[in-house]
Full PDB file with SEQRES, HELIX, SHEET, SSBOND, CRYST1, ORIGX, SCALE, CONECT and MASTER records, all heavy atoms in Angstrom:
SEQRES   1 A   36  ASP TYR LEU VAL PHE ALA ASP GLN LEU GLU ARG ALA LEU          
SEQRES   2 A   36  ARG PRO LEU SER VAL ASP TRP TYR ASP ASP ASP GLY LEU          
SEQRES   3 A   36  GLY GLY VAL ASP LEU CYS HIS ALA THR THR                      
HELIX    1 AA1 TYR A    2  ALA A   12  1                                  11    
HELIX    2 AA2 ARG A   14  SER A   17  5                                   4    
HELIX    3 AA3 LEU A   26  GLY A   28  5                                   3    
CRYST1    1.000    1.000    1.000  90.00  90.00  90.00 P 1           1          
ORIGX1      1.000000  0.000000  0.000000        0.00000                         
ORIGX2      0.000000  1.000000  0.000000        0.00000                         
ORIGX3      0.000000  0.000000  1.000000        0.00000                         
SCALE1      1.000000  0.000000  0.000000        0.00000                         
SCALE2      0.000000  1.000000  0.000000        0.00000                         
SCALE3      0.000000  0.000000  1.000000        0.00000                         
ATOM      1  N   ASP A   1      60.707 -32.638 -42.772  1.00  0.00           N  
ATOM      2  CA  ASP A   1      59.618 -33.475 -43.371  1.00  0.00           C  
ATOM      3  C   ASP A   1      58.308 -32.779 -43.296  1.00  0.00           C  
ATOM      4  O   ASP A   1      57.489 -32.842 -44.233  1.00  0.00           O  
ATOM      5  CB  ASP A   1      59.571 -34.807 -42.613  1.00  0.00           C  
ATOM      6  CG  ASP A   1      60.864 -35.633 -42.755  1.00  0.00           C  
ATOM      7  OD1 ASP A   1      61.491 -35.500 -43.815  1.00  0.00           O  
ATOM      8  OD2 ASP A   1      61.180 -36.337 -41.826  1.00  0.00           O  
ATOM      9  N   TYR A   2      58.004 -32.089 -42.162  1.00  0.00           N  
ATOM     10  CA  TYR A   2      56.753 -31.358 -42.034  1.00  0.00           C  
ATOM     11  C   TYR A   2      56.635 -30.285 -43.116  1.00  0.00           C  
ATOM     12  O   TYR A   2      55.571 -30.099 -43.695  1.00  0.00           O  
ATOM     13  CB  TYR A   2      56.606 -30.717 -40.667  1.00  0.00           C  
ATOM     14  CG  TYR A   2      56.775 -31.682 -39.513  1.00  0.00           C  
ATOM     15  CD1 TYR A   2      57.394 -31.263 -38.334  1.00  0.00           C  
ATOM     16  CD2 TYR A   2      56.299 -32.965 -39.562  1.00  0.00           C  
ATOM     17  CE1 TYR A   2      57.594 -32.093 -37.268  1.00  0.00           C  
ATOM     18  CE2 TYR A   2      56.481 -33.845 -38.496  1.00  0.00           C  
ATOM     19  CZ  TYR A   2      57.115 -33.403 -37.355  1.00  0.00           C  
ATOM     20  OH  TYR A   2      57.265 -34.264 -36.265  1.00  0.00           O  
ATOM     21  N   LEU A   3      57.731 -29.602 -43.361  1.00  0.00           N  
ATOM     22  CA  LEU A   3      57.697 -28.502 -44.358  1.00  0.00           C  
ATOM     23  C   LEU A   3      57.495 -29.053 -45.750  1.00  0.00           C  
ATOM     24  O   LEU A   3      56.754 -28.485 -46.544  1.00  0.00           O  
ATOM     25  CB  LEU A   3      59.016 -27.696 -44.278  1.00  0.00           C  
ATOM     26  CG  LEU A   3      59.271 -26.997 -42.919  1.00  0.00           C  
ATOM     27  CD1 LEU A   3      60.581 -26.236 -42.975  1.00  0.00           C  
ATOM     28  CD2 LEU A   3      58.105 -26.052 -42.564  1.00  0.00           C  
ATOM     29  N   VAL A   4      58.159 -30.158 -46.069  1.00  0.00           N  
ATOM     30  CA  VAL A   4      58.029 -30.759 -47.409  1.00  0.00           C  
ATOM     31  C   VAL A   4      56.607 -31.276 -47.614  1.00  0.00           C  
ATOM     32  O   VAL A   4      55.971 -31.048 -48.665  1.00  0.00           O  
ATOM     33  CB  VAL A   4      59.041 -31.886 -47.646  1.00  0.00           C  
ATOM     34  CG1 VAL A   4      58.754 -32.646 -48.913  1.00  0.00           C  
ATOM     35  CG2 VAL A   4      60.455 -31.324 -47.646  1.00  0.00           C  
ATOM     36  N   PHE A   5      56.024 -31.934 -46.583  1.00  0.00           N  
ATOM     37  CA  PHE A   5      54.712 -32.452 -46.728  1.00  0.00           C  
ATOM     38  C   PHE A   5      53.692 -31.350 -46.837  1.00  0.00           C  
ATOM     39  O   PHE A   5      52.724 -31.419 -47.596  1.00  0.00           O  
ATOM     40  CB  PHE A   5      54.343 -33.365 -45.488  1.00  0.00           C  
ATOM     41  CG  PHE A   5      52.939 -33.797 -45.491  1.00  0.00           C  
ATOM     42  CD1 PHE A   5      52.409 -34.669 -46.395  1.00  0.00           C  
ATOM     43  CD2 PHE A   5      52.086 -33.306 -44.498  1.00  0.00           C  
ATOM     44  CE1 PHE A   5      51.108 -35.063 -46.393  1.00  0.00           C  
ATOM     45  CE2 PHE A   5      50.739 -33.678 -44.437  1.00  0.00           C  
ATOM     46  CZ  PHE A   5      50.290 -34.576 -45.394  1.00  0.00           C  
ATOM     47  N   ALA A   6      53.901 -30.265 -46.034  1.00  0.00           N  
ATOM     48  CA  ALA A   6      52.972 -29.118 -46.098  1.00  0.00           C  
ATOM     49  C   ALA A   6      52.965 -28.543 -47.491  1.00  0.00           C  
ATOM     50  O   ALA A   6      51.931 -28.101 -47.995  1.00  0.00           O  
ATOM     51  CB  ALA A   6      53.400 -28.072 -45.071  1.00  0.00           C  
ATOM     52  N   ASP A   7      54.140 -28.442 -48.139  1.00  0.00           N  
ATOM     53  CA  ASP A   7      54.194 -27.908 -49.511  1.00  0.00           C  
ATOM     54  C   ASP A   7      53.437 -28.796 -50.475  1.00  0.00           C  
ATOM     55  O   ASP A   7      52.684 -28.316 -51.278  1.00  0.00           O  
ATOM     56  CB  ASP A   7      55.649 -27.737 -49.921  1.00  0.00           C  
ATOM     57  CG  ASP A   7      55.767 -27.242 -51.332  1.00  0.00           C  
ATOM     58  OD1 ASP A   7      55.518 -26.026 -51.578  1.00  0.00           O  
ATOM     59  OD2 ASP A   7      56.171 -28.030 -52.225  1.00  0.00           O  
ATOM     60  N   GLN A   8      53.667 -30.145 -50.368  1.00  0.00           N  
ATOM     61  CA  GLN A   8      52.957 -31.100 -51.224  1.00  0.00           C  
ATOM     62  C   GLN A   8      51.441 -31.040 -50.974  1.00  0.00           C  
ATOM     63  O   GLN A   8      50.628 -31.140 -51.916  1.00  0.00           O  
ATOM     64  CB  GLN A   8      53.491 -32.462 -50.994  1.00  0.00           C  
ATOM     65  CG  GLN A   8      54.956 -32.686 -51.363  1.00  0.00           C  
ATOM     66  CD  GLN A   8      55.177 -32.739 -52.883  1.00  0.00           C  
ATOM     67  OE1 GLN A   8      54.272 -33.113 -53.586  1.00  0.00           O  
ATOM     68  NE2 GLN A   8      56.366 -32.349 -53.297  1.00  0.00           N  
ATOM     69  N   LEU A   9      51.048 -30.882 -49.710  1.00  0.00           N  
ATOM     70  CA  LEU A   9      49.657 -30.877 -49.362  1.00  0.00           C  
ATOM     71  C   LEU A   9      48.967 -29.608 -49.914  1.00  0.00           C  
ATOM     72  O   LEU A   9      47.844 -29.647 -50.361  1.00  0.00           O  
ATOM     73  CB  LEU A   9      49.461 -30.959 -47.846  1.00  0.00           C  
ATOM     74  CG  LEU A   9      48.026 -31.067 -47.299  1.00  0.00           C  
ATOM     75  CD1 LEU A   9      47.387 -32.321 -47.803  1.00  0.00           C  
ATOM     76  CD2 LEU A   9      48.030 -31.010 -45.772  1.00  0.00           C  
ATOM     77  N   GLU A  10      49.674 -28.480 -49.847  1.00  0.00           N  
ATOM     78  CA  GLU A  10      49.127 -27.250 -50.362  1.00  0.00           C  
ATOM     79  C   GLU A  10      48.815 -27.361 -51.828  1.00  0.00           C  
ATOM     80  O   GLU A  10      47.774 -26.898 -52.332  1.00  0.00           O  
ATOM     81  CB  GLU A  10      50.046 -26.073 -50.077  1.00  0.00           C  
ATOM     82  CG  GLU A  10      49.514 -24.693 -50.444  1.00  0.00           C  
ATOM     83  CD  GLU A  10      49.618 -24.341 -51.917  1.00  0.00           C  
ATOM     84  OE1 GLU A  10      50.672 -24.736 -52.527  1.00  0.00           O  
ATOM     85  OE2 GLU A  10      48.699 -23.738 -52.452  1.00  0.00           O  
ATOM     86  N   ARG A  11      49.726 -27.974 -52.584  1.00  0.00           N  
ATOM     87  CA  ARG A  11      49.477 -28.139 -54.030  1.00  0.00           C  
ATOM     88  C   ARG A  11      48.292 -29.106 -54.274  1.00  0.00           C  
ATOM     89  O   ARG A  11      47.510 -28.866 -55.189  1.00  0.00           O  
ATOM     90  CB  ARG A  11      50.763 -28.676 -54.688  1.00  0.00           C  
ATOM     91  CG  ARG A  11      51.926 -27.678 -54.675  1.00  0.00           C  
ATOM     92  CD  ARG A  11      53.160 -28.304 -55.260  1.00  0.00           C  
ATOM     93  NE  ARG A  11      54.326 -27.440 -55.038  1.00  0.00           N  
ATOM     94  CZ  ARG A  11      54.693 -26.468 -55.869  1.00  0.00           C  
ATOM     95  NH1 ARG A  11      54.012 -26.272 -57.020  1.00  0.00           N  
ATOM     96  NH2 ARG A  11      55.750 -25.708 -55.626  1.00  0.00           N  
ATOM     97  N   ALA A  12      48.174 -30.149 -53.466  1.00  0.00           N  
ATOM     98  CA  ALA A  12      47.079 -31.088 -53.641  1.00  0.00           C  
ATOM     99  C   ALA A  12      45.744 -30.431 -53.332  1.00  0.00           C  
ATOM    100  O   ALA A  12      44.692 -30.748 -53.976  1.00  0.00           O  
ATOM    101  CB  ALA A  12      47.312 -32.308 -52.838  1.00  0.00           C  
ATOM    102  N   LEU A  13      45.707 -29.499 -52.354  1.00  0.00           N  
ATOM    103  CA  LEU A  13      44.458 -28.908 -51.917  1.00  0.00           C  
ATOM    104  C   LEU A  13      44.225 -27.532 -52.607  1.00  0.00           C  
ATOM    105  O   LEU A  13      43.235 -26.875 -52.267  1.00  0.00           O  
ATOM    106  CB  LEU A  13      44.506 -28.678 -50.382  1.00  0.00           C  
ATOM    107  CG  LEU A  13      44.506 -29.944 -49.514  1.00  0.00           C  
ATOM    108  CD1 LEU A  13      44.535 -29.533 -48.045  1.00  0.00           C  
ATOM    109  CD2 LEU A  13      43.301 -30.818 -49.796  1.00  0.00           C  
ATOM    110  N   ARG A  14      45.044 -27.177 -53.532  1.00  0.00           N  
ATOM    111  CA  ARG A  14      44.889 -25.862 -54.192  1.00  0.00           C  
ATOM    112  C   ARG A  14      43.570 -25.750 -54.876  1.00  0.00           C  
ATOM    113  O   ARG A  14      42.989 -24.615 -54.933  1.00  0.00           O  
ATOM    114  CB  ARG A  14      46.034 -25.630 -55.152  1.00  0.00           C  
ATOM    115  CG  ARG A  14      46.076 -24.201 -55.663  1.00  0.00           C  
ATOM    116  CD  ARG A  14      47.370 -23.991 -56.451  1.00  0.00           C  
ATOM    117  NE  ARG A  14      48.528 -24.059 -55.581  1.00  0.00           N  
ATOM    118  CZ  ARG A  14      49.792 -24.013 -56.049  1.00  0.00           C  
ATOM    119  NH1 ARG A  14      50.033 -23.858 -57.315  1.00  0.00           N  
ATOM    120  NH2 ARG A  14      50.790 -24.052 -55.172  1.00  0.00           N  
ATOM    121  N   PRO A  15      42.934 -26.796 -55.441  1.00  0.00           N  
ATOM    122  CA  PRO A  15      41.592 -26.623 -56.028  1.00  0.00           C  
ATOM    123  C   PRO A  15      40.552 -26.089 -55.047  1.00  0.00           C  
ATOM    124  O   PRO A  15      39.518 -25.588 -55.474  1.00  0.00           O  
ATOM    125  CB  PRO A  15      41.254 -28.036 -56.484  1.00  0.00           C  
ATOM    126  CG  PRO A  15      42.599 -28.686 -56.789  1.00  0.00           C  
ATOM    127  CD  PRO A  15      43.482 -28.158 -55.727  1.00  0.00           C  
ATOM    128  N   LEU A  16      40.769 -26.188 -53.737  1.00  0.00           N  
ATOM    129  CA  LEU A  16      39.793 -25.666 -52.791  1.00  0.00           C  
ATOM    130  C   LEU A  16      39.774 -24.159 -52.811  1.00  0.00           C  
ATOM    131  O   LEU A  16      38.804 -23.554 -52.370  1.00  0.00           O  
ATOM    132  CB  LEU A  16      40.138 -26.117 -51.350  1.00  0.00           C  
ATOM    133  CG  LEU A  16      40.104 -27.651 -51.092  1.00  0.00           C  
ATOM    134  CD1 LEU A  16      40.425 -27.926 -49.662  1.00  0.00           C  
ATOM    135  CD2 LEU A  16      38.756 -28.252 -51.500  1.00  0.00           C  
ATOM    136  N   SER A  17      40.857 -23.504 -53.296  1.00  0.00           N  
ATOM    137  CA  SER A  17      40.970 -22.065 -53.250  1.00  0.00           C  
ATOM    138  C   SER A  17      40.609 -21.369 -54.579  1.00  0.00           C  
ATOM    139  O   SER A  17      40.701 -20.174 -54.642  1.00  0.00           O  
ATOM    140  CB  SER A  17      42.423 -21.677 -52.862  1.00  0.00           C  
ATOM    141  OG  SER A  17      42.791 -22.187 -51.590  1.00  0.00           O  
ATOM    142  N   VAL A  18      40.256 -22.123 -55.588  1.00  0.00           N  
ATOM    143  CA  VAL A  18      39.949 -21.534 -56.892  1.00  0.00           C  
ATOM    144  C   VAL A  18      38.578 -20.855 -56.813  1.00  0.00           C  
ATOM    145  O   VAL A  18      37.752 -21.126 -55.892  1.00  0.00           O  
ATOM    146  CB  VAL A  18      39.957 -22.552 -58.021  1.00  0.00           C  
ATOM    147  CG1 VAL A  18      41.362 -23.102 -58.181  1.00  0.00           C  
ATOM    148  CG2 VAL A  18      38.963 -23.699 -57.708  1.00  0.00           C  
ATOM    149  N   ASP A  19      38.312 -19.959 -57.737  1.00  0.00           N  
ATOM    150  CA  ASP A  19      37.028 -19.192 -57.726  1.00  0.00           C  
ATOM    151  C   ASP A  19      35.983 -19.829 -58.633  1.00  0.00           C  
ATOM    152  O   ASP A  19      35.324 -19.123 -59.409  1.00  0.00           O  
ATOM    153  CB  ASP A  19      37.301 -17.718 -58.154  1.00  0.00           C  
ATOM    154  CG  ASP A  19      37.945 -17.627 -59.560  1.00  0.00           C  
ATOM    155  OD1 ASP A  19      38.425 -18.691 -60.064  1.00  0.00           O  
ATOM    156  OD2 ASP A  19      38.021 -16.571 -60.125  1.00  0.00           O  
ATOM    157  N   TRP A  20      35.845 -21.068 -58.525  1.00  0.00           N  
ATOM    158  CA  TRP A  20      34.881 -21.818 -59.368  1.00  0.00           C  
ATOM    159  C   TRP A  20      33.531 -22.085 -58.687  1.00  0.00           C  
ATOM    160  O   TRP A  20      32.625 -22.612 -59.337  1.00  0.00           O  
ATOM    161  CB  TRP A  20      35.480 -23.180 -59.809  1.00  0.00           C  
ATOM    162  CG  TRP A  20      36.763 -23.030 -60.568  1.00  0.00           C  
ATOM    163  CD1 TRP A  20      37.253 -21.960 -61.196  1.00  0.00           C  
ATOM    164  CD2 TRP A  20      37.648 -24.137 -60.916  1.00  0.00           C  
ATOM    165  NE1 TRP A  20      38.412 -22.239 -61.845  1.00  0.00           N  
ATOM    166  CE2 TRP A  20      38.696 -23.609 -61.694  1.00  0.00           C  
ATOM    167  CE3 TRP A  20      37.675 -25.488 -60.606  1.00  0.00           C  
ATOM    168  CZ2 TRP A  20      39.716 -24.351 -62.166  1.00  0.00           C  
ATOM    169  CZ3 TRP A  20      38.725 -26.236 -61.075  1.00  0.00           C  
ATOM    170  CH2 TRP A  20      39.738 -25.695 -61.871  1.00  0.00           C  
ATOM    171  N   TYR A  21      33.419 -21.716 -57.392  1.00  0.00           N  
ATOM    172  CA  TYR A  21      32.250 -22.173 -56.665  1.00  0.00           C  
ATOM    173  C   TYR A  21      31.256 -21.032 -56.464  1.00  0.00           C  
ATOM    174  O   TYR A  21      31.222 -20.331 -55.452  1.00  0.00           O  
ATOM    175  CB  TYR A  21      32.711 -22.730 -55.285  1.00  0.00           C  
ATOM    176  CG  TYR A  21      33.864 -23.689 -55.413  1.00  0.00           C  
ATOM    177  CD1 TYR A  21      35.097 -23.379 -54.861  1.00  0.00           C  
ATOM    178  CD2 TYR A  21      33.713 -24.882 -56.041  1.00  0.00           C  
ATOM    179  CE1 TYR A  21      36.176 -24.250 -55.008  1.00  0.00           C  
ATOM    180  CE2 TYR A  21      34.778 -25.768 -56.187  1.00  0.00           C  
ATOM    181  CZ  TYR A  21      35.975 -25.464 -55.678  1.00  0.00           C  
ATOM    182  OH  TYR A  21      37.053 -26.316 -55.779  1.00  0.00           O  
ATOM    183  N   ASP A  22      30.432 -20.799 -57.515  1.00  0.00           N  
ATOM    184  CA  ASP A  22      29.381 -19.831 -57.464  1.00  0.00           C  
ATOM    185  C   ASP A  22      28.288 -20.238 -58.445  1.00  0.00           C  
ATOM    186  O   ASP A  22      28.377 -21.297 -59.083  1.00  0.00           O  
ATOM    187  CB  ASP A  22      29.919 -18.475 -57.817  1.00  0.00           C  
ATOM    188  CG  ASP A  22      30.724 -18.406 -59.106  1.00  0.00           C  
ATOM    189  OD1 ASP A  22      30.381 -19.180 -60.018  1.00  0.00           O  
ATOM    190  OD2 ASP A  22      31.661 -17.599 -59.227  1.00  0.00           O  
ATOM    191  N   ASP A  23      27.231 -19.431 -58.527  1.00  0.00           N  
ATOM    192  CA  ASP A  23      26.111 -19.781 -59.390  1.00  0.00           C  
ATOM    193  C   ASP A  23      26.530 -19.925 -60.839  1.00  0.00           C  
ATOM    194  O   ASP A  23      25.923 -20.687 -61.575  1.00  0.00           O  
ATOM    195  CB  ASP A  23      25.036 -18.702 -59.260  1.00  0.00           C  
ATOM    196  CG  ASP A  23      24.462 -18.627 -57.847  1.00  0.00           C  
ATOM    197  OD1 ASP A  23      24.678 -19.592 -57.097  1.00  0.00           O  
ATOM    198  OD2 ASP A  23      23.885 -17.583 -57.529  1.00  0.00           O  
ATOM    199  N   ASP A  24      27.478 -19.101 -61.250  1.00  0.00           N  
ATOM    200  CA  ASP A  24      27.894 -19.108 -62.663  1.00  0.00           C  
ATOM    201  C   ASP A  24      29.010 -20.125 -62.914  1.00  0.00           C  
ATOM    202  O   ASP A  24      29.448 -20.285 -64.044  1.00  0.00           O  
ATOM    203  CB  ASP A  24      28.407 -17.703 -63.067  1.00  0.00           C  
ATOM    204  CG  ASP A  24      28.343 -17.471 -64.566  1.00  0.00           C  
ATOM    205  OD1 ASP A  24      27.405 -18.026 -65.183  1.00  0.00           O  
ATOM    206  OD2 ASP A  24      29.246 -16.830 -65.097  1.00  0.00           O  
ATOM    207  N   GLY A  25      29.428 -20.841 -61.871  1.00  0.00           N  
ATOM    208  CA  GLY A  25      30.468 -21.857 -61.987  1.00  0.00           C  
ATOM    209  C   GLY A  25      29.924 -23.224 -61.773  1.00  0.00           C  
ATOM    210  O   GLY A  25      28.875 -23.633 -62.323  1.00  0.00           O  
ATOM    211  N   LEU A  26      30.629 -23.954 -60.891  1.00  0.00           N  
ATOM    212  CA  LEU A  26      30.158 -25.356 -60.610  1.00  0.00           C  
ATOM    213  C   LEU A  26      28.820 -25.406 -59.900  1.00  0.00           C  
ATOM    214  O   LEU A  26      28.164 -26.460 -59.932  1.00  0.00           O  
ATOM    215  CB  LEU A  26      31.246 -26.066 -59.799  1.00  0.00           C  
ATOM    216  CG  LEU A  26      32.513 -26.394 -60.527  1.00  0.00           C  
ATOM    217  CD1 LEU A  26      33.589 -26.967 -59.619  1.00  0.00           C  
ATOM    218  CD2 LEU A  26      32.256 -27.403 -61.690  1.00  0.00           C  
ATOM    219  N   GLY A  27      28.430 -24.322 -59.259  1.00  0.00           N  
ATOM    220  CA  GLY A  27      27.082 -24.299 -58.647  1.00  0.00           C  
ATOM    221  C   GLY A  27      25.946 -24.323 -59.601  1.00  0.00           C  
ATOM    222  O   GLY A  27      24.800 -24.613 -59.263  1.00  0.00           O  
ATOM    223  N   GLY A  28      26.232 -23.985 -60.912  1.00  0.00           N  
ATOM    224  CA  GLY A  28      25.172 -23.934 -61.894  1.00  0.00           C  
ATOM    225  C   GLY A  28      25.138 -25.072 -62.884  1.00  0.00           C  
ATOM    226  O   GLY A  28      24.331 -25.089 -63.768  1.00  0.00           O  
ATOM    227  N   VAL A  29      26.069 -26.020 -62.733  1.00  0.00           N  
ATOM    228  CA  VAL A  29      26.079 -27.178 -63.649  1.00  0.00           C  
ATOM    229  C   VAL A  29      25.116 -28.254 -63.180  1.00  0.00           C  
ATOM    230  O   VAL A  29      24.696 -28.290 -61.989  1.00  0.00           O  
ATOM    231  CB  VAL A  29      27.491 -27.818 -63.782  1.00  0.00           C  
ATOM    232  CG1 VAL A  29      28.477 -26.708 -64.255  1.00  0.00           C  
ATOM    233  CG2 VAL A  29      27.989 -28.357 -62.478  1.00  0.00           C  
ATOM    234  N   ASP A  30      24.725 -29.085 -64.087  1.00  0.00           N  
ATOM    235  CA  ASP A  30      23.774 -30.182 -63.746  1.00  0.00           C  
ATOM    236  C   ASP A  30      24.516 -31.428 -63.253  1.00  0.00           C  
ATOM    237  O   ASP A  30      23.948 -32.256 -62.551  1.00  0.00           O  
ATOM    238  CB  ASP A  30      22.952 -30.522 -64.966  1.00  0.00           C  
ATOM    239  CG  ASP A  30      22.091 -29.391 -65.419  1.00  0.00           C  
ATOM    240  OD1 ASP A  30      21.328 -28.863 -64.612  1.00  0.00           O  
ATOM    241  OD2 ASP A  30      22.198 -28.983 -66.588  1.00  0.00           O  
ATOM    242  N   LEU A  31      25.778 -31.581 -63.642  1.00  0.00           N  
ATOM    243  CA  LEU A  31      26.555 -32.784 -63.323  1.00  0.00           C  
ATOM    244  C   LEU A  31      28.026 -32.436 -63.382  1.00  0.00           C  
ATOM    245  O   LEU A  31      28.507 -31.769 -64.269  1.00  0.00           O  
ATOM    246  CB  LEU A  31      26.201 -33.903 -64.300  1.00  0.00           C  
ATOM    247  CG  LEU A  31      27.099 -35.163 -64.268  1.00  0.00           C  
ATOM    248  CD1 LEU A  31      26.837 -35.911 -62.930  1.00  0.00           C  
ATOM    249  CD2 LEU A  31      26.801 -36.042 -65.487  1.00  0.00           C  
ATOM    250  N   CYS A  32      28.746 -32.894 -62.365  1.00  0.00           N  
ATOM    251  CA  CYS A  32      30.240 -32.802 -62.390  1.00  0.00           C  
ATOM    252  C   CYS A  32      30.785 -34.160 -62.801  1.00  0.00           C  
ATOM    253  O   CYS A  32      30.453 -35.192 -62.252  1.00  0.00           O  
ATOM    254  CB  CYS A  32      30.753 -32.462 -61.013  1.00  0.00           C  
ATOM    255  SG  CYS A  32      30.714 -30.712 -60.603  1.00  0.00           S  
ATOM    256  N   HIS A  33      31.669 -34.101 -63.841  1.00  0.00           N  
ATOM    257  CA  HIS A  33      32.298 -35.354 -64.320  1.00  0.00           C  
ATOM    258  C   HIS A  33      33.801 -35.199 -64.150  1.00  0.00           C  
ATOM    259  O   HIS A  33      34.446 -34.459 -64.861  1.00  0.00           O  
ATOM    260  CB  HIS A  33      31.924 -35.607 -65.790  1.00  0.00           C  
ATOM    261  CG  HIS A  33      32.476 -36.905 -66.294  1.00  0.00           C  
ATOM    262  ND1 HIS A  33      32.180 -37.353 -67.584  1.00  0.00           N  
ATOM    263  CD2 HIS A  33      33.251 -37.874 -65.755  1.00  0.00           C  
ATOM    264  CE1 HIS A  33      32.775 -38.501 -67.788  1.00  0.00           C  
ATOM    265  NE2 HIS A  33      33.457 -38.817 -66.695  1.00  0.00           N  
ATOM    266  N   ALA A  34      34.369 -35.873 -63.122  1.00  0.00           N  
ATOM    267  CA  ALA A  34      35.814 -35.852 -62.880  1.00  0.00           C  
ATOM    268  C   ALA A  34      36.464 -36.925 -63.698  1.00  0.00           C  
ATOM    269  O   ALA A  34      36.086 -38.091 -63.646  1.00  0.00           O  
ATOM    270  CB  ALA A  34      36.114 -36.077 -61.399  1.00  0.00           C  
ATOM    271  N   THR A  35      37.438 -36.540 -64.537  1.00  0.00           N  
ATOM    272  CA  THR A  35      38.089 -37.481 -65.444  1.00  0.00           C  
ATOM    273  C   THR A  35      39.155 -38.310 -64.779  1.00  0.00           C  
ATOM    274  O   THR A  35      39.796 -39.149 -65.387  1.00  0.00           O  
ATOM    275  CB  THR A  35      38.655 -36.759 -66.633  1.00  0.00           C  
ATOM    276  OG1 THR A  35      39.635 -35.796 -66.227  1.00  0.00           O  
ATOM    277  CG2 THR A  35      37.564 -36.025 -67.422  1.00  0.00           C  
ATOM    278  N   THR A  36      39.440 -38.034 -63.528  1.00  0.00           N  
ATOM    279  CA  THR A  36      40.344 -38.854 -62.729  1.00  0.00           C  
ATOM    280  C   THR A  36      40.107 -38.537 -61.282  1.00  0.00           C  
ATOM    281  O   THR A  36      39.284 -37.669 -60.902  1.00  0.00           O  
ATOM    282  CB  THR A  36      41.821 -38.497 -63.063  1.00  0.00           C  
ATOM    283  OG1 THR A  36      42.711 -39.334 -62.333  1.00  0.00           O  
ATOM    284  CG2 THR A  36      42.146 -37.063 -62.739  1.00  0.00           C  
TER     285      THR A  36                                                      
MASTER        0    0    0    3    0    0    0    6  284    1    0    3          
END                                                                             
């Protein structure tokens, strides 16, 4: 169960590892609009 949950949790938290957080990415927008 721990292994299955860890796999599901990694997929849910994968957006934390993307390379979107810099001046030219989400750090430079005026507003973030999450559609869900």
